[in-house]
Amino acid sequence: MAILVKLDDLLHARRMTLSQLAEQVDITLANLSILKTGKAKAIRFSTLEAICQALDCQPGDLLAHEKE
């Protein structure tokens, strides 16, 4: 089973770049890139909350569960 990160879709819908999000959330661009590509092994709730606030979304809008 896989967890999918739909960050690209949300950024596109909000007309926001990854760099803008990184600045707003105060997280490095490298760490956001790791999350965006699905290579992250974990995410802190505080980071998830900050991303959701910046993108005006719910955690379920950002993450999805898919059977492999």
PDB file of N, CA and C in Angstrom:
ATOM      1  N   MET A   1       0.848  -1.175   0.000  1.00  0.00           N
ATOM      2  CA  MET A   1       0.000   0.000   0.000  1.00  0.00           C
ATOM      3  C   MET A   1       0.888   1.231   0.000  1.00  0.00           C
ATOM      4  N   ALA A   2       0.397   2.263  -0.653  1.00  0.00           N
ATOM      5  CA  ALA A   2       1.208   3.462  -0.797  1.00  0.00           C
ATOM      6  C   ALA A   2       0.418   4.702  -0.371  1.00  0.00           C
ATOM      7  N   ILE A   3       1.129   5.632   0.178  1.00  0.00           N
ATOM      8  CA  ILE A   3       0.559   6.933   0.499  1.00  0.00           C
ATOM      9  C   ILE A   3       0.994   7.886  -0.613  1.00  0.00           C
ATOM     10  N   LEU A   4       0.034   8.511  -1.261  1.00  0.00           N
ATOM     11  CA  LEU A   4       0.323   9.457  -2.325  1.00  0.00           C
ATOM     12  C   LEU A   4       0.237  10.874  -1.786  1.00  0.00           C
ATOM     13  N   VAL A   5       1.165  11.705  -2.202  1.00  0.00           N
ATOM     14  CA  VAL A   5       1.171  13.113  -1.814  1.00  0.00           C
ATOM     15  C   VAL A   5       0.710  13.917  -3.020  1.00  0.00           C
ATOM     16  N   LYS A   6      -0.394  14.627  -2.857  1.00  0.00           N
ATOM     17  CA  LYS A   6      -0.995  15.374  -3.960  1.00  0.00           C
ATOM     18  C   LYS A   6      -0.641  16.856  -3.884  1.00  0.00           C
ATOM     19  N   LEU A   7       0.594  17.138  -3.506  1.00  0.00           N
ATOM     20  CA  LEU A   7       1.042  18.515  -3.338  1.00  0.00           C
ATOM     21  C   LEU A   7       1.054  19.271  -4.656  1.00  0.00           C
ATOM     22  N   ASP A   8       1.485  18.629  -5.730  1.00  0.00           N
ATOM     23  CA  ASP A   8       1.506  19.282  -7.045  1.00  0.00           C
ATOM     24  C   ASP A   8       0.121  19.767  -7.454  1.00  0.00           C
ATOM     25  N   ASP A   9      -0.873  18.917  -7.247  1.00  0.00           N
ATOM     26  CA  ASP A   9      -2.243  19.276  -7.619  1.00  0.00           C
ATOM     27  C   ASP A   9      -2.730  20.484  -6.833  1.00  0.00           C
ATOM     28  N   LEU A  10      -2.449  20.504  -5.544  1.00  0.00           N
ATOM     29  CA  LEU A  10      -2.888  21.618  -4.709  1.00  0.00           C
ATOM     30  C   LEU A  10      -2.152  22.905  -5.061  1.00  0.00           C
ATOM     31  N   LEU A  11      -0.854  22.797  -5.318  1.00  0.00           N
ATOM     32  CA  LEU A  11      -0.097  23.981  -5.708  1.00  0.00           C
ATOM     33  C   LEU A  11      -0.623  24.550  -7.026  1.00  0.00           C
ATOM     34  N   HIS A  12      -0.891  23.679  -7.970  1.00  0.00           N
ATOM     35  CA  HIS A  12      -1.420  24.119  -9.261  1.00  0.00           C
ATOM     36  C   HIS A  12      -2.778  24.804  -9.087  1.00  0.00           C
ATOM     37  N   ALA A  13      -3.647  24.208  -8.273  1.00  0.00           N
ATOM     38  CA  ALA A  13      -4.978  24.771  -8.042  1.00  0.00           C
ATOM     39  C   ALA A  13      -4.907  26.127  -7.346  1.00  0.00           C
ATOM     40  N   ARG A  14      -3.897  26.308  -6.505  1.00  0.00           N
ATOM     41  CA  ARG A  14      -3.747  27.573  -5.762  1.00  0.00           C
ATOM     42  C   ARG A  14      -2.854  28.573  -6.500  1.00  0.00           C
ATOM     43  N   ARG A  15      -2.351  28.167  -7.676  1.00  0.00           N
ATOM     44  CA  ARG A  15      -1.430  29.003  -8.462  1.00  0.00           C
ATOM     45  C   ARG A  15      -0.252  29.471  -7.603  1.00  0.00           C
ATOM     46  N   MET A  16       0.345  28.504  -6.947  1.00  0.00           N
ATOM     47  CA  MET A  16       1.457  28.773  -6.039  1.00  0.00           C
ATOM     48  C   MET A  16       2.628  27.888  -6.434  1.00  0.00           C
ATOM     49  N   THR A  17       3.837  28.410  -6.269  1.00  0.00           N
ATOM     50  CA  THR A  17       5.023  27.619  -6.562  1.00  0.00           C
ATOM     51  C   THR A  17       5.495  26.924  -5.292  1.00  0.00           C
ATOM     52  N   LEU A  18       6.332  25.934  -5.482  1.00  0.00           N
ATOM     53  CA  LEU A  18       6.910  25.227  -4.346  1.00  0.00           C
ATOM     54  C   LEU A  18       7.766  26.187  -3.519  1.00  0.00           C
ATOM     55  N   SER A  19       8.449  27.087  -4.170  1.00  0.00           N
ATOM     56  CA  SER A  19       9.278  28.074  -3.467  1.00  0.00           C
ATOM     57  C   SER A  19       8.431  28.994  -2.599  1.00  0.00           C
ATOM     58  N   GLN A  20       7.290  29.421  -3.121  1.00  0.00           N
ATOM     59  CA  GLN A  20       6.399  30.277  -2.342  1.00  0.00           C
ATOM     60  C   GLN A  20       5.872  29.536  -1.122  1.00  0.00           C
ATOM     61  N   LEU A  21       5.519  28.283  -1.313  1.00  0.00           N
ATOM     62  CA  LEU A  21       5.025  27.480  -0.187  1.00  0.00           C
ATOM     63  C   LEU A  21       6.119  27.283   0.853  1.00  0.00           C
ATOM     64  N   ALA A  22       7.324  26.993   0.396  1.00  0.00           N
ATOM     65  CA  ALA A  22       8.448  26.799   1.317  1.00  0.00           C
ATOM     66  C   ALA A  22       8.660  28.046   2.177  1.00  0.00           C
ATOM     67  N   GLU A  23       8.570  29.201   1.551  1.00  0.00           N
ATOM     68  CA  GLU A  23       8.761  30.458   2.284  1.00  0.00           C
ATOM     69  C   GLU A  23       7.632  30.687   3.282  1.00  0.00           C
ATOM     70  N   GLN A  24       6.404  30.407   2.859  1.00  0.00           N
ATOM     71  CA  GLN A  24       5.251  30.628   3.726  1.00  0.00           C
ATOM     72  C   GLN A  24       5.242  29.678   4.917  1.00  0.00           C
ATOM     73  N   VAL A  25       5.645  28.433   4.690  1.00  0.00           N
ATOM     74  CA  VAL A  25       5.600  27.407   5.730  1.00  0.00           C
ATOM     75  C   VAL A  25       6.882  27.393   6.558  1.00  0.00           C
ATOM     76  N   ASP A  26       7.903  28.064   6.069  1.00  0.00           N
ATOM     77  CA  ASP A  26       9.214  28.103   6.721  1.00  0.00           C
ATOM     78  C   ASP A  26       9.826  26.703   6.810  1.00  0.00           C
ATOM     79  N   ILE A  27       9.887  26.051   5.646  1.00  0.00           N
ATOM     80  CA  ILE A  27      10.520  24.750   5.505  1.00  0.00           C
ATOM     81  C   ILE A  27      11.422  24.848   4.276  1.00  0.00           C
ATOM     82  N   THR A  28      12.487  24.083   4.267  1.00  0.00           N
ATOM     83  CA  THR A  28      13.410  24.189   3.142  1.00  0.00           C
ATOM     84  C   THR A  28      12.770  23.651   1.864  1.00  0.00           C
ATOM     85  N   LEU A  29      13.197  24.210   0.757  1.00  0.00           N
ATOM     86  CA  LEU A  29      12.719  23.765  -0.543  1.00  0.00           C
ATOM     87  C   LEU A  29      13.083  22.301  -0.768  1.00  0.00           C
ATOM     88  N   ALA A  30      14.253  21.902  -0.300  1.00  0.00           N
ATOM     89  CA  ALA A  30      14.688  20.511  -0.449  1.00  0.00           C
ATOM     90  C   ALA A  30      13.739  19.558   0.281  1.00  0.00           C
ATOM     91  N   ASN A  31      13.349  19.905   1.493  1.00  0.00           N
ATOM     92  CA  ASN A  31      12.434  19.040   2.250  1.00  0.00           C
ATOM     93  C   ASN A  31      11.047  18.989   1.617  1.00  0.00           C
ATOM     94  N   LEU A  32      10.587  20.110   1.081  1.00  0.00           N
ATOM     95  CA  LEU A  32       9.299  20.092   0.396  1.00  0.00           C
ATOM     96  C   LEU A  32       9.369  19.263  -0.880  1.00  0.00           C
ATOM     97  N   SER A  33      10.480  19.318  -1.563  1.00  0.00           N
ATOM     98  CA  SER A  33      10.666  18.523  -2.777  1.00  0.00           C
ATOM     99  C   SER A  33      10.631  17.032  -2.461  1.00  0.00           C
ATOM    100  N   ILE A  34      11.259  16.657  -1.363  1.00  0.00           N
ATOM    101  CA  ILE A  34      11.236  15.250  -0.927  1.00  0.00           C
ATOM    102  C   ILE A  34       9.802  14.821  -0.638  1.00  0.00           C
ATOM    103  N   LEU A  35       9.037  15.672   0.003  1.00  0.00           N
ATOM    104  CA  LEU A  35       7.637  15.369   0.293  1.00  0.00           C
ATOM    105  C   LEU A  35       6.839  15.282  -1.008  1.00  0.00           C
ATOM    106  N   LYS A  36       7.054  16.231  -1.899  1.00  0.00           N
ATOM    107  CA  LYS A  36       6.299  16.292  -3.149  1.00  0.00           C
ATOM    108  C   LYS A  36       6.519  15.062  -4.023  1.00  0.00           C
ATOM    109  N   THR A  37       7.734  14.567  -4.051  1.00  0.00           N
ATOM    110  CA  THR A  37       8.047  13.418  -4.898  1.00  0.00           C
ATOM    111  C   THR A  37       7.670  12.085  -4.261  1.00  0.00           C
ATOM    112  N   GLY A  38       7.185  12.132  -3.024  1.00  0.00           N
ATOM    113  CA  GLY A  38       6.761  10.903  -2.357  1.00  0.00           C
ATOM    114  C   GLY A  38       7.904  10.123  -1.745  1.00  0.00           C
ATOM    115  N   LYS A  39       9.066  10.731  -1.607  1.00  0.00           N
ATOM    116  CA  LYS A  39      10.227  10.042  -1.046  1.00  0.00           C
ATOM    117  C   LYS A  39      10.343  10.216   0.466  1.00  0.00           C
ATOM    118  N   ALA A  40       9.483  11.037   1.041  1.00  0.00           N
ATOM    119  CA  ALA A  40       9.520  11.265   2.482  1.00  0.00           C
ATOM    120  C   ALA A  40       9.043  10.021   3.217  1.00  0.00           C
ATOM    121  N   LYS A  41       9.681   9.715   4.314  1.00  0.00           N
ATOM    122  CA  LYS A  41       9.300   8.569   5.139  1.00  0.00           C
ATOM    123  C   LYS A  41       8.332   8.969   6.245  1.00  0.00           C
ATOM    124  N   ALA A  42       8.302  10.273   6.562  1.00  0.00           N
ATOM    125  CA  ALA A  42       7.444  10.763   7.633  1.00  0.00           C
ATOM    126  C   ALA A  42       7.208  12.253   7.441  1.00  0.00           C
ATOM    127  N   ILE A  43       6.183  12.753   8.107  1.00  0.00           N
ATOM    128  CA  ILE A  43       5.921  14.193   8.131  1.00  0.00           C
ATOM    129  C   ILE A  43       5.420  14.540   9.525  1.00  0.00           C
ATOM    130  N   ARG A  44       5.929  15.604  10.058  1.00  0.00           N
ATOM    131  CA  ARG A  44       5.485  16.044  11.380  1.00  0.00           C
ATOM    132  C   ARG A  44       4.110  16.672  11.263  1.00  0.00           C
ATOM    133  N   PHE A  45       3.317  16.494  12.300  1.00  0.00           N
ATOM    134  CA  PHE A  45       1.988  17.086  12.304  1.00  0.00           C
ATOM    135  C   PHE A  45       2.063  18.604  12.207  1.00  0.00           C
ATOM    136  N   SER A  46       3.070  19.205  12.818  1.00  0.00           N
ATOM    137  CA  SER A  46       3.203  20.660  12.749  1.00  0.00           C
ATOM    138  C   SER A  46       3.474  21.118  11.310  1.00  0.00           C
ATOM    139  N   THR A  47       4.261  20.330  10.566  1.00  0.00           N
ATOM    140  CA  THR A  47       4.530  20.653   9.162  1.00  0.00           C
ATOM    141  C   THR A  47       3.270  20.457   8.336  1.00  0.00           C
ATOM    142  N   LEU A  48       2.566  19.365   8.568  1.00  0.00           N
ATOM    143  CA  LEU A  48       1.322  19.097   7.861  1.00  0.00           C
ATOM    144  C   LEU A  48       0.303  20.196   8.123  1.00  0.00           C
ATOM    145  N   GLU A  49       0.218  20.631   9.363  1.00  0.00           N
ATOM    146  CA  GLU A  49      -0.708  21.706   9.718  1.00  0.00           C
ATOM    147  C   GLU A  49      -0.335  23.002   9.010  1.00  0.00           C
ATOM    148  N   ALA A  50       0.945  23.329   8.978  1.00  0.00           N
ATOM    149  CA  ALA A  50       1.394  24.549   8.327  1.00  0.00           C
ATOM    150  C   ALA A  50       1.116  24.524   6.822  1.00  0.00           C
ATOM    151  N   ILE A  51       1.334  23.377   6.197  1.00  0.00           N
ATOM    152  CA  ILE A  51       1.055  23.239   4.765  1.00  0.00           C
ATOM    153  C   ILE A  51      -0.445  23.381   4.511  1.00  0.00           C
ATOM    154  N   CYS A  52      -1.250  22.751   5.338  1.00  0.00           N
ATOM    155  CA  CYS A  52      -2.704  22.837   5.181  1.00  0.00           C
ATOM    156  C   CYS A  52      -3.203  24.269   5.375  1.00  0.00           C
ATOM    157  N   GLN A  53      -2.620  24.987   6.314  1.00  0.00           N
ATOM    158  CA  GLN A  53      -3.006  26.387   6.511  1.00  0.00           C
ATOM    159  C   GLN A  53      -2.616  27.227   5.303  1.00  0.00           C
ATOM    160  N   ALA A  54      -1.417  27.021   4.792  1.00  0.00           N
ATOM    161  CA  ALA A  54      -0.940  27.802   3.658  1.00  0.00           C
ATOM    162  C   ALA A  54      -1.749  27.520   2.396  1.00  0.00           C
ATOM    163  N   LEU A  55      -2.180  26.277   2.227  1.00  0.00           N
ATOM    164  CA  LEU A  55      -2.918  25.896   1.019  1.00  0.00           C
ATOM    165  C   LEU A  55      -4.436  25.892   1.225  1.00  0.00           C
ATOM    166  N   ASP A  56      -4.877  26.218   2.444  1.00  0.00           N
ATOM    167  CA  ASP A  56      -6.300  26.233   2.785  1.00  0.00           C
ATOM    168  C   ASP A  56      -6.949  24.907   2.399  1.00  0.00           C
ATOM    169  N   CYS A  57      -6.410  23.833   2.974  1.00  0.00           N
ATOM    170  CA  CYS A  57      -6.910  22.495   2.658  1.00  0.00           C
ATOM    171  C   CYS A  57      -6.929  21.639   3.917  1.00  0.00           C
ATOM    172  N   GLN A  58      -7.430  20.435   3.783  1.00  0.00           N
ATOM    173  CA  GLN A  58      -7.448  19.446   4.845  1.00  0.00           C
ATOM    174  C   GLN A  58      -6.350  18.421   4.570  1.00  0.00           C
ATOM    175  N   PRO A  59      -5.853  17.720   5.583  1.00  0.00           N
ATOM    176  CA  PRO A  59      -4.831  16.695   5.350  1.00  0.00           C
ATOM    177  C   PRO A  59      -5.251  15.668   4.298  1.00  0.00           C
ATOM    178  N   GLY A  60      -6.525  15.345   4.253  1.00  0.00           N
ATOM    179  CA  GLY A  60      -7.021  14.392   3.256  1.00  0.00           C
ATOM    180  C   GLY A  60      -6.941  14.914   1.833  1.00  0.00           C
ATOM    181  N   ASP A  61      -6.885  16.237   1.671  1.00  0.00           N
ATOM    182  CA  ASP A  61      -6.709  16.831   0.348  1.00  0.00           C
ATOM    183  C   ASP A  61      -5.269  16.665  -0.119  1.00  0.00           C
ATOM    184  N   LEU A  62      -4.362  16.551   0.821  1.00  0.00           N
ATOM    185  CA  LEU A  62      -2.935  16.486   0.533  1.00  0.00           C
ATOM    186  C   LEU A  62      -2.429  15.056   0.408  1.00  0.00           C
ATOM    187  N   LEU A  63      -3.017  14.155   1.182  1.00  0.00           N
ATOM    188  CA  LEU A  63      -2.551  12.759   1.219  1.00  0.00           C
ATOM    189  C   LEU A  63      -3.666  11.817   0.793  1.00  0.00           C
ATOM    190  N   ALA A  64      -3.270  10.760   0.099  1.00  0.00           N
ATOM    191  CA  ALA A  64      -4.231   9.727  -0.308  1.00  0.00           C
ATOM    192  C   ALA A  64      -3.604   8.365  -0.119  1.00  0.00           C
ATOM    193  N   HIS A  65      -4.419   7.367   0.126  1.00  0.00           N
ATOM    194  CA  HIS A  65      -3.964   6.000   0.310  1.00  0.00           C
ATOM    195  C   HIS A  65      -4.351   5.206  -0.927  1.00  0.00           C
ATOM    196  N   GLU A  66      -3.385   4.494  -1.489  1.00  0.00           N
ATOM    197  CA  GLU A  66      -3.647   3.709  -2.702  1.00  0.00           C
ATOM    198  C   GLU A  66      -3.072   2.313  -2.555  1.00  0.00           C
ATOM    199  N   LYS A  67      -3.849   1.338  -2.939  1.00  0.00           N
ATOM    200  CA  LYS A  67      -3.350  -0.039  -2.932  1.00  0.00           C
ATOM    201  C   LYS A  67      -2.401  -0.212  -4.099  1.00  0.00           C
ATOM    202  N   GLU A  68      -1.328  -0.939  -3.853  1.00  0.00           N
ATOM    203  CA  GLU A  68      -0.329  -1.149  -4.920  1.00  0.00           C
ATOM    204  C   GLU A  68      -0.758  -2.229  -5.871  1.00  0.00           C
TER     205      GLU A  68
END
